[in-house]
Amino acid sequence: MSVVEIIKNKINARLAPAVLEVKDESHLHAGHAGAREGGESHFRIFVVSDSFEGLSRVARQRLINDILRDELAGPIHALAMKTLTPDEAAQ
């Protein structure tokens, strides 16, 4: 299973997001520190979920980091994220 699939499966299971986009941007970091041969090390995610209601931006990021704890300790070197509630996404 690819790292993208693992990210999607874990976030879907915990947050049931209305929108989830996961992009592997490893090719943009080839040759840089943390870039692995074959990619799957640098990701950008966009998540819209009711689960973020009432949480600060930092708390939302901590929630995602907790969900992906094992991957952040292993194959993921960098993870950029945008986390919104449905109301925020509609604006």
PDB file of N, CA and C in Angstrom:
ATOM      1  N   MET A   1       0.855  -1.178   0.000  1.00  0.00           N
ATOM      2  CA  MET A   1       0.000   0.000   0.000  1.00  0.00           C
ATOM      3  C   MET A   1       0.900   1.241   0.000  1.00  0.00           C
ATOM      4  N   SER A   2       0.578   2.209  -0.828  1.00  0.00           N
ATOM      5  CA  SER A   2       1.374   3.434  -0.903  1.00  0.00           C
ATOM      6  C   SER A   2       1.153   4.298   0.339  1.00  0.00           C
ATOM      7  N   VAL A   3       2.077   5.194   0.571  1.00  0.00           N
ATOM      8  CA  VAL A   3       1.947   6.117   1.705  1.00  0.00           C
ATOM      9  C   VAL A   3       0.721   7.011   1.519  1.00  0.00           C
ATOM     10  N   VAL A   4       0.430   7.422   0.285  1.00  0.00           N
ATOM     11  CA  VAL A   4      -0.772   8.228   0.018  1.00  0.00           C
ATOM     12  C   VAL A   4      -2.017   7.465   0.454  1.00  0.00           C
ATOM     13  N   GLU A   5      -2.102   6.193   0.118  1.00  0.00           N
ATOM     14  CA  GLU A   5      -3.266   5.379   0.505  1.00  0.00           C
ATOM     15  C   GLU A   5      -3.364   5.235   2.009  1.00  0.00           C
ATOM     16  N   ILE A   6      -2.236   5.058   2.670  1.00  0.00           N
ATOM     17  CA  ILE A   6      -2.231   4.943   4.135  1.00  0.00           C
ATOM     18  C   ILE A   6      -2.735   6.240   4.759  1.00  0.00           C
ATOM     19  N   ILE A   7      -2.236   7.383   4.275  1.00  0.00           N
ATOM     20  CA  ILE A   7      -2.681   8.685   4.781  1.00  0.00           C
ATOM     21  C   ILE A   7      -4.191   8.822   4.608  1.00  0.00           C
ATOM     22  N   LYS A   8      -4.678   8.539   3.401  1.00  0.00           N
ATOM     23  CA  LYS A   8      -6.114   8.658   3.137  1.00  0.00           C
ATOM     24  C   LYS A   8      -6.931   7.732   4.032  1.00  0.00           C
ATOM     25  N   ASN A   9      -6.515   6.487   4.159  1.00  0.00           N
ATOM     26  CA  ASN A   9      -7.258   5.524   4.982  1.00  0.00           C
ATOM     27  C   ASN A   9      -7.340   5.965   6.438  1.00  0.00           C
ATOM     28  N   LYS A  10      -6.220   6.415   6.988  1.00  0.00           N
ATOM     29  CA  LYS A  10      -6.208   6.803   8.400  1.00  0.00           C
ATOM     30  C   LYS A  10      -7.028   8.060   8.666  1.00  0.00           C
ATOM     31  N   ILE A  11      -6.898   9.059   7.804  1.00  0.00           N
ATOM     32  CA  ILE A  11      -7.663  10.293   8.001  1.00  0.00           C
ATOM     33  C   ILE A  11      -9.149  10.041   7.780  1.00  0.00           C
ATOM     34  N   ASN A  12      -9.501   9.282   6.752  1.00  0.00           N
ATOM     35  CA  ASN A  12     -10.916   8.951   6.527  1.00  0.00           C
ATOM     36  C   ASN A  12     -11.514   8.222   7.724  1.00  0.00           C
ATOM     37  N   ALA A  13     -10.773   7.278   8.288  1.00  0.00           N
ATOM     38  CA  ALA A  13     -11.275   6.492   9.413  1.00  0.00           C
ATOM     39  C   ALA A  13     -11.500   7.336  10.660  1.00  0.00           C
ATOM     40  N   ARG A  14     -10.629   8.305  10.924  1.00  0.00           N
ATOM     41  CA  ARG A  14     -10.725   9.097  12.154  1.00  0.00           C
ATOM     42  C   ARG A  14     -11.577  10.354  12.018  1.00  0.00           C
ATOM     43  N   LEU A  15     -11.568  10.991  10.829  1.00  0.00           N
ATOM     44  CA  LEU A  15     -12.210  12.298  10.705  1.00  0.00           C
ATOM     45  C   LEU A  15     -13.433  12.324   9.802  1.00  0.00           C
ATOM     46  N   ALA A  16     -13.658  11.276   9.014  1.00  0.00           N
ATOM     47  CA  ALA A  16     -14.760  11.263   8.041  1.00  0.00           C
ATOM     48  C   ALA A  16     -14.864  12.612   7.326  1.00  0.00           C
ATOM     49  N   PRO A  17     -13.803  13.028   6.654  1.00  0.00           N
ATOM     50  CA  PRO A  17     -13.798  14.366   6.053  1.00  0.00           C
ATOM     51  C   PRO A  17     -14.754  14.515   4.886  1.00  0.00           C
ATOM     52  N   ALA A  18     -15.241  15.737   4.705  1.00  0.00           N
ATOM     53  CA  ALA A  18     -16.060  16.063   3.537  1.00  0.00           C
ATOM     54  C   ALA A  18     -15.169  16.165   2.310  1.00  0.00           C
ATOM     55  N   VAL A  19     -13.923  16.623   2.517  1.00  0.00           N
ATOM     56  CA  VAL A  19     -12.938  16.740   1.449  1.00  0.00           C
ATOM     57  C   VAL A  19     -11.602  16.258   1.990  1.00  0.00           C
ATOM     58  N   LEU A  20     -10.915  15.450   1.202  1.00  0.00           N
ATOM     59  CA  LEU A  20      -9.563  15.016   1.541  1.00  0.00           C
ATOM     60  C   LEU A  20      -8.752  14.928   0.263  1.00  0.00           C
ATOM     61  N   GLU A  21      -7.724  15.742   0.183  1.00  0.00           N
ATOM     62  CA  GLU A  21      -6.799  15.700  -0.941  1.00  0.00           C
ATOM     63  C   GLU A  21      -5.407  15.440  -0.387  1.00  0.00           C
ATOM     64  N   VAL A  22      -4.727  14.489  -0.974  1.00  0.00           N
ATOM     65  CA  VAL A  22      -3.363  14.152  -0.565  1.00  0.00           C
ATOM     66  C   VAL A  22      -2.489  14.190  -1.808  1.00  0.00           C
ATOM     67  N   LYS A  23      -1.462  15.012  -1.771  1.00  0.00           N
ATOM     68  CA  LYS A  23      -0.542  15.122  -2.903  1.00  0.00           C
ATOM     69  C   LYS A  23       0.858  14.730  -2.472  1.00  0.00           C
ATOM     70  N   ASP A  24       1.468  13.856  -3.246  1.00  0.00           N
ATOM     71  CA  ASP A  24       2.860  13.477  -3.032  1.00  0.00           C
ATOM     72  C   ASP A  24       3.719  14.495  -3.777  1.00  0.00           C
ATOM     73  N   GLU A  25       4.432  15.319  -3.033  1.00  0.00           N
ATOM     74  CA  GLU A  25       5.280  16.354  -3.620  1.00  0.00           C
ATOM     75  C   GLU A  25       6.756  15.996  -3.521  1.00  0.00           C
ATOM     76  N   SER A  26       7.046  14.726  -3.352  1.00  0.00           N
ATOM     77  CA  SER A  26       8.423  14.274  -3.166  1.00  0.00           C
ATOM     78  C   SER A  26       9.311  14.648  -4.337  1.00  0.00           C
ATOM     79  N   HIS A  27       8.764  14.626  -5.533  1.00  0.00           N
ATOM     80  CA  HIS A  27       9.563  14.948  -6.718  1.00  0.00           C
ATOM     81  C   HIS A  27      10.116  16.377  -6.666  1.00  0.00           C
ATOM     82  N   LEU A  28       9.453  17.249  -5.914  1.00  0.00           N
ATOM     83  CA  LEU A  28       9.914  18.630  -5.779  1.00  0.00           C
ATOM     84  C   LEU A  28      11.123  18.745  -4.849  1.00  0.00           C
ATOM     85  N   HIS A  29      11.403  17.681  -4.107  1.00  0.00           N
ATOM     86  CA  HIS A  29      12.458  17.702  -3.092  1.00  0.00           C
ATOM     87  C   HIS A  29      13.577  16.709  -3.386  1.00  0.00           C
ATOM     88  N   ALA A  30      13.603  16.164  -4.582  1.00  0.00           N
ATOM     89  CA  ALA A  30      14.643  15.198  -4.947  1.00  0.00           C
ATOM     90  C   ALA A  30      16.024  15.809  -4.710  1.00  0.00           C
ATOM     91  N   GLY A  31      16.871  15.059  -4.036  1.00  0.00           N
ATOM     92  CA  GLY A  31      18.225  15.520  -3.740  1.00  0.00           C
ATOM     93  C   GLY A  31      18.353  16.321  -2.463  1.00  0.00           C
ATOM     94  N   HIS A  32      17.240  16.686  -1.846  1.00  0.00           N
ATOM     95  CA  HIS A  32      17.278  17.438  -0.592  1.00  0.00           C
ATOM     96  C   HIS A  32      17.298  16.487   0.601  1.00  0.00           C
ATOM     97  N   ALA A  33      17.614  17.010   1.750  1.00  0.00           N
ATOM     98  CA  ALA A  33      17.615  16.218   2.982  1.00  0.00           C
ATOM     99  C   ALA A  33      16.231  15.629   3.208  1.00  0.00           C
ATOM    100  N   GLY A  34      16.190  14.370   3.579  1.00  0.00           N
ATOM    101  CA  GLY A  34      14.928  13.706   3.887  1.00  0.00           C
ATOM    102  C   GLY A  34      14.230  13.100   2.691  1.00  0.00           C
ATOM    103  N   ALA A  35      14.679  13.433   1.489  1.00  0.00           N
ATOM    104  CA  ALA A  35      14.070  12.866   0.287  1.00  0.00           C
ATOM    105  C   ALA A  35      14.571  11.430   0.119  1.00  0.00           C
ATOM    106  N   ARG A  36      13.636  10.524   0.005  1.00  0.00           N
ATOM    107  CA  ARG A  36      13.984   9.110  -0.137  1.00  0.00           C
ATOM    108  C   ARG A  36      14.029   8.717  -1.601  1.00  0.00           C
ATOM    109  N   GLU A  37      14.847   7.758  -1.908  1.00  0.00           N
ATOM    110  CA  GLU A  37      14.864   7.183  -3.249  1.00  0.00           C
ATOM    111  C   GLU A  37      13.479   6.613  -3.530  1.00  0.00           C
ATOM    112  N   GLY A  38      12.897   6.958  -4.645  1.00  0.00           N
ATOM    113  CA  GLY A  38      11.562   6.470  -4.973  1.00  0.00           C
ATOM    114  C   GLY A  38      10.439   7.360  -4.472  1.00  0.00           C
ATOM    115  N   GLY A  39      10.765   8.439  -3.769  1.00  0.00           N
ATOM    116  CA  GLY A  39       9.738   9.379  -3.326  1.00  0.00           C
ATOM    117  C   GLY A  39       8.975   8.933  -2.097  1.00  0.00           C
ATOM    118  N   GLU A  40       7.725   9.359  -2.025  1.00  0.00           N
ATOM    119  CA  GLU A  40       6.836   9.102  -0.891  1.00  0.00           C
ATOM    120  C   GLU A  40       7.420   9.568   0.443  1.00  0.00           C
ATOM    121  N   SER A  41       7.921  10.804   0.440  1.00  0.00           N
ATOM    122  CA  SER A  41       8.494  11.356   1.663  1.00  0.00           C
ATOM    123  C   SER A  41       7.946  12.750   2.002  1.00  0.00           C
ATOM    124  N   HIS A  42       7.456  13.478   1.008  1.00  0.00           N
ATOM    125  CA  HIS A  42       6.970  14.846   1.189  1.00  0.00           C
ATOM    126  C   HIS A  42       5.528  14.945   0.680  1.00  0.00           C
ATOM    127  N   PHE A  43       4.640  15.386   1.560  1.00  0.00           N
ATOM    128  CA  PHE A  43       3.217  15.397   1.216  1.00  0.00           C
ATOM    129  C   PHE A  43       2.562  16.724   1.572  1.00  0.00           C
ATOM    130  N   ARG A  44       1.489  17.024   0.853  1.00  0.00           N
ATOM    131  CA  ARG A  44       0.630  18.173   1.134  1.00  0.00           C
ATOM    132  C   ARG A  44      -0.793  17.630   1.213  1.00  0.00           C
ATOM    133  N   ILE A  45      -1.488  17.970   2.304  1.00  0.00           N
ATOM    134  CA  ILE A  45      -2.867  17.505   2.451  1.00  0.00           C
ATOM    135  C   ILE A  45      -3.809  18.689   2.650  1.00  0.00           C
ATOM    136  N   PHE A  46      -5.025  18.497   2.193  1.00  0.00           N
ATOM    137  CA  PHE A  46      -6.108  19.465   2.375  1.00  0.00           C
ATOM    138  C   PHE A  46      -7.276  18.670   2.943  1.00  0.00           C
ATOM    139  N   VAL A  47      -7.730  19.051   4.135  1.00  0.00           N
ATOM    140  CA  VAL A  47      -8.777  18.312   4.822  1.00  0.00           C
ATOM    141  C   VAL A  47      -9.878  19.274   5.267  1.00  0.00           C
ATOM    142  N   VAL A  48     -11.125  18.936   4.936  1.00  0.00           N
ATOM    143  CA  VAL A  48     -12.292  19.668   5.419  1.00  0.00           C
ATOM    144  C   VAL A  48     -13.101  18.686   6.253  1.00  0.00           C
ATOM    145  N   SER A  49     -13.273  19.011   7.537  1.00  0.00           N
ATOM    146  CA  SER A  49     -13.961  18.080   8.431  1.00  0.00           C
ATOM    147  C   SER A  49     -14.670  18.808   9.566  1.00  0.00           C
ATOM    148  N   ASP A  50     -15.833  18.281   9.938  1.00  0.00           N
ATOM    149  CA  ASP A  50     -16.548  18.782  11.117  1.00  0.00           C
ATOM    150  C   ASP A  50     -15.717  18.584  12.384  1.00  0.00           C
ATOM    151  N   SER A  51     -14.810  17.634  12.371  1.00  0.00           N
ATOM    152  CA  SER A  51     -13.983  17.337  13.547  1.00  0.00           C
ATOM    153  C   SER A  51     -13.105  18.513  13.956  1.00  0.00           C
ATOM    154  N   PHE A  52     -12.894  19.474  13.059  1.00  0.00           N
ATOM    155  CA  PHE A  52     -12.047  20.623  13.366  1.00  0.00           C
ATOM    156  C   PHE A  52     -12.818  21.758  14.038  1.00  0.00           C
ATOM    157  N   GLU A  53     -14.125  21.614  14.137  1.00  0.00           N
ATOM    158  CA  GLU A  53     -14.960  22.661  14.742  1.00  0.00           C
ATOM    159  C   GLU A  53     -14.485  22.939  16.164  1.00  0.00           C
ATOM    160  N   GLY A  54     -14.225  24.222  16.450  1.00  0.00           N
ATOM    161  CA  GLY A  54     -13.808  24.632  17.789  1.00  0.00           C
ATOM    162  C   GLY A  54     -12.333  24.431  18.092  1.00  0.00           C
ATOM    163  N   LEU A  55     -11.577  23.887  17.142  1.00  0.00           N
ATOM    164  CA  LEU A  55     -10.151  23.661  17.360  1.00  0.00           C
ATOM    165  C   LEU A  55      -9.332  24.764  16.691  1.00  0.00           C
ATOM    166  N   SER A  56      -8.253  25.157  17.334  1.00  0.00           N
ATOM    167  CA  SER A  56      -7.336  26.126  16.731  1.00  0.00           C
ATOM    168  C   SER A  56      -6.578  25.456  15.586  1.00  0.00           C
ATOM    169  N   ARG A  57      -5.906  26.258  14.775  1.00  0.00           N
ATOM    170  CA  ARG A  57      -5.114  25.718  13.679  1.00  0.00           C
ATOM    171  C   ARG A  57      -4.052  24.749  14.205  1.00  0.00           C
ATOM    172  N   VAL A  58      -3.413  25.110  15.304  1.00  0.00           N
ATOM    173  CA  VAL A  58      -2.387  24.253  15.899  1.00  0.00           C
ATOM    174  C   VAL A  58      -3.001  22.941  16.407  1.00  0.00           C
ATOM    175  N   ALA A  59      -4.157  23.010  17.042  1.00  0.00           N
ATOM    176  CA  ALA A  59      -4.820  21.801  17.548  1.00  0.00           C
ATOM    177  C   ALA A  59      -5.223  20.879  16.393  1.00  0.00           C
ATOM    178  N   ARG A  60      -5.648  21.461  15.293  1.00  0.00           N
ATOM    179  CA  ARG A  60      -6.002  20.664  14.111  1.00  0.00           C
ATOM    180  C   ARG A  60      -4.775  19.945  13.578  1.00  0.00           C
ATOM    181  N   GLN A  61      -3.655  20.659  13.500  1.00  0.00           N
ATOM    182  CA  GLN A  61      -2.429  20.049  13.010  1.00  0.00           C
ATOM    183  C   GLN A  61      -1.934  18.964  13.955  1.00  0.00           C
ATOM    184  N   ARG A  62      -2.077  19.190  15.228  1.00  0.00           N
ATOM    185  CA  ARG A  62      -1.691  18.153  16.209  1.00  0.00           C
ATOM    186  C   ARG A  62      -2.553  16.907  16.051  1.00  0.00           C
ATOM    187  N   LEU A  63      -3.834  17.098  15.763  1.00  0.00           N
ATOM    188  CA  LEU A  63      -4.735  15.973  15.544  1.00  0.00           C
ATOM    189  C   LEU A  63      -4.279  15.154  14.340  1.00  0.00           C
ATOM    190  N   ILE A  64      -3.969  15.828  13.235  1.00  0.00           N
ATOM    191  CA  ILE A  64      -3.472  15.128  12.047  1.00  0.00           C
ATOM    192  C   ILE A  64      -2.151  14.433  12.359  1.00  0.00           C
ATOM    193  N   ASN A  65      -1.261  15.112  13.051  1.00  0.00           N
ATOM    194  CA  ASN A  65       0.025  14.503  13.417  1.00  0.00           C
ATOM    195  C   ASN A  65      -0.170  13.260  14.277  1.00  0.00           C
ATOM    196  N   ASP A  66      -1.144  13.291  15.168  1.00  0.00           N
ATOM    197  CA  ASP A  66      -1.430  12.129  16.001  1.00  0.00           C
ATOM    198  C   ASP A  66      -1.959  10.970  15.148  1.00  0.00           C
ATOM    199  N   ILE A  67      -2.844  11.266  14.209  1.00  0.00           N
ATOM    200  CA  ILE A  67      -3.399  10.234  13.333  1.00  0.00           C
ATOM    201  C   ILE A  67      -2.291   9.580  12.512  1.00  0.00           C
ATOM    202  N   LEU A  68      -1.325  10.372  12.086  1.00  0.00           N
ATOM    203  CA  LEU A  68      -0.251   9.877  11.211  1.00  0.00           C
ATOM    204  C   LEU A  68       1.069   9.673  11.960  1.00  0.00           C
ATOM    205  N   ARG A  69       0.993   9.474  13.248  1.00  0.00           N
ATOM    206  CA  ARG A  69       2.183   9.339  14.099  1.00  0.00           C
ATOM    207  C   ARG A  69       3.188   8.319  13.553  1.00  0.00           C
ATOM    208  N   ASP A  70       2.724   7.133  13.208  1.00  0.00           N
ATOM    209  CA  ASP A  70       3.638   6.088  12.735  1.00  0.00           C
ATOM    210  C   ASP A  70       4.315   6.483  11.428  1.00  0.00           C
ATOM    211  N   GLU A  71       3.571   7.095  10.543  1.00  0.00           N
ATOM    212  CA  GLU A  71       4.123   7.496   9.249  1.00  0.00           C
ATOM    213  C   GLU A  71       5.106   8.660   9.396  1.00  0.00           C
ATOM    214  N   LEU A  72       4.831   9.569  10.320  1.00  0.00           N
ATOM    215  CA  LEU A  72       5.732  10.691  10.559  1.00  0.00           C
ATOM    216  C   LEU A  72       7.040  10.213  11.195  1.00  0.00           C
ATOM    217  N   ALA A  73       7.003   9.085  11.874  1.00  0.00           N
ATOM    218  CA  ALA A  73       8.208   8.501  12.455  1.00  0.00           C
ATOM    219  C   ALA A  73       8.972   7.682  11.419  1.00  0.00           C
ATOM    220  N   GLY A  74       8.343   7.421  10.280  1.00  0.00           N
ATOM    221  CA  GLY A  74       8.964   6.572   9.276  1.00  0.00           C
ATOM    222  C   GLY A  74       9.077   7.238   7.929  1.00  0.00           C
ATOM    223  N   PRO A  75       8.190   6.881   7.016  1.00  0.00           N
ATOM    224  CA  PRO A  75       8.389   7.325   5.637  1.00  0.00           C
ATOM    225  C   PRO A  75       8.120   8.807   5.362  1.00  0.00           C
ATOM    226  N   ILE A  76       7.289   9.463   6.163  1.00  0.00           N
ATOM    227  CA  ILE A  76       6.985  10.877   5.892  1.00  0.00           C
ATOM    228  C   ILE A  76       8.064  11.754   6.512  1.00  0.00           C
ATOM    229  N   HIS A  77       8.725  12.526   5.656  1.00  0.00           N
ATOM    230  CA  HIS A  77       9.742  13.473   6.124  1.00  0.00           C
ATOM    231  C   HIS A  77       9.127  14.858   6.342  1.00  0.00           C
ATOM    232  N   ALA A  78       8.188  15.237   5.469  1.00  0.00           N
ATOM    233  CA  ALA A  78       7.569  16.559   5.563  1.00  0.00           C
ATOM    234  C   ALA A  78       6.086  16.451   5.218  1.00  0.00           C
ATOM    235  N   LEU A  79       5.271  17.167   5.986  1.00  0.00           N
ATOM    236  CA  LEU A  79       3.830  17.147   5.775  1.00  0.00           C
ATOM    237  C   LEU A  79       3.294  18.569   5.913  1.00  0.00           C
ATOM    238  N   ALA A  80       2.846  19.134   4.794  1.00  0.00           N
ATOM    239  CA  ALA A  80       2.198  20.439   4.813  1.00  0.00           C
ATOM    240  C   ALA A  80       0.698  20.183   4.832  1.00  0.00           C
ATOM    241  N   MET A  81      -0.034  20.995   5.579  1.00  0.00           N
ATOM    242  CA  MET A  81      -1.470  20.737   5.666  1.00  0.00           C
ATOM    243  C   MET A  81      -2.284  22.008   5.754  1.00  0.00           C
ATOM    244  N   LYS A  82      -3.474  21.922   5.190  1.00  0.00           N
ATOM    245  CA  LYS A  82      -4.498  22.955   5.341  1.00  0.00           C
ATOM    246  C   LYS A  82      -5.717  22.238   5.884  1.00  0.00           C
ATOM    247  N   THR A  83      -6.212  22.701   7.012  1.00  0.00           N
ATOM    248  CA  THR A  83      -7.317  22.048   7.709  1.00  0.00           C
ATOM    249  C   THR A  83      -8.434  23.050   7.938  1.00  0.00           C
ATOM    250  N   LEU A  84      -9.608  22.750   7.422  1.00  0.00           N
ATOM    251  CA  LEU A  84     -10.748  23.662   7.525  1.00  0.00           C
ATOM    252  C   LEU A  84     -12.008  22.940   7.987  1.00  0.00           C
ATOM    253  N   THR A  85     -12.902  23.693   8.614  1.00  0.00           N
ATOM    254  CA  THR A  85     -14.250  23.189   8.866  1.00  0.00           C
ATOM    255  C   THR A  85     -15.053  23.390   7.579  1.00  0.00           C
ATOM    256  N   PRO A  86     -16.198  22.733   7.435  1.00  0.00           N
ATOM    257  CA  PRO A  86     -17.019  22.970   6.253  1.00  0.00           C
ATOM    258  C   PRO A  86     -17.427  24.435   6.085  1.00  0.00           C
ATOM    259  N   ASP A  87     -17.745  25.131   7.169  1.00  0.00           N
ATOM    260  CA  ASP A  87     -18.104  26.546   7.081  1.00  0.00           C
ATOM    261  C   ASP A  87     -16.941  27.389   6.571  1.00  0.00           C
ATOM    262  N   GLU A  88     -15.740  27.107   7.044  1.00  0.00           N
ATOM    263  CA  GLU A  88     -14.557  27.848   6.585  1.00  0.00           C
ATOM    264  C   GLU A  88     -14.294  27.578   5.099  1.00  0.00           C
ATOM    265  N   ALA A  89     -14.489  26.354   4.670  1.00  0.00           N
ATOM    266  CA  ALA A  89     -14.243  25.984   3.273  1.00  0.00           C
ATOM    267  C   ALA A  89     -15.251  26.635   2.347  1.00  0.00           C
ATOM    268  N   ALA A  90     -16.447  26.916   2.852  1.00  0.00           N
ATOM    269  CA  ALA A  90     -17.502  27.499   2.034  1.00  0.00           C
ATOM    270  C   ALA A  90     -17.305  28.997   1.815  1.00  0.00           C
ATOM    271  N   GLN A  91     -16.468  29.620   2.576  1.00  0.00           N
ATOM    272  CA  GLN A  91     -16.269  31.080   2.483  1.00  0.00           C
ATOM    273  C   GLN A  91     -15.399  31.455   1.310  1.00  0.00           C
TER     274      GLN A  91
END
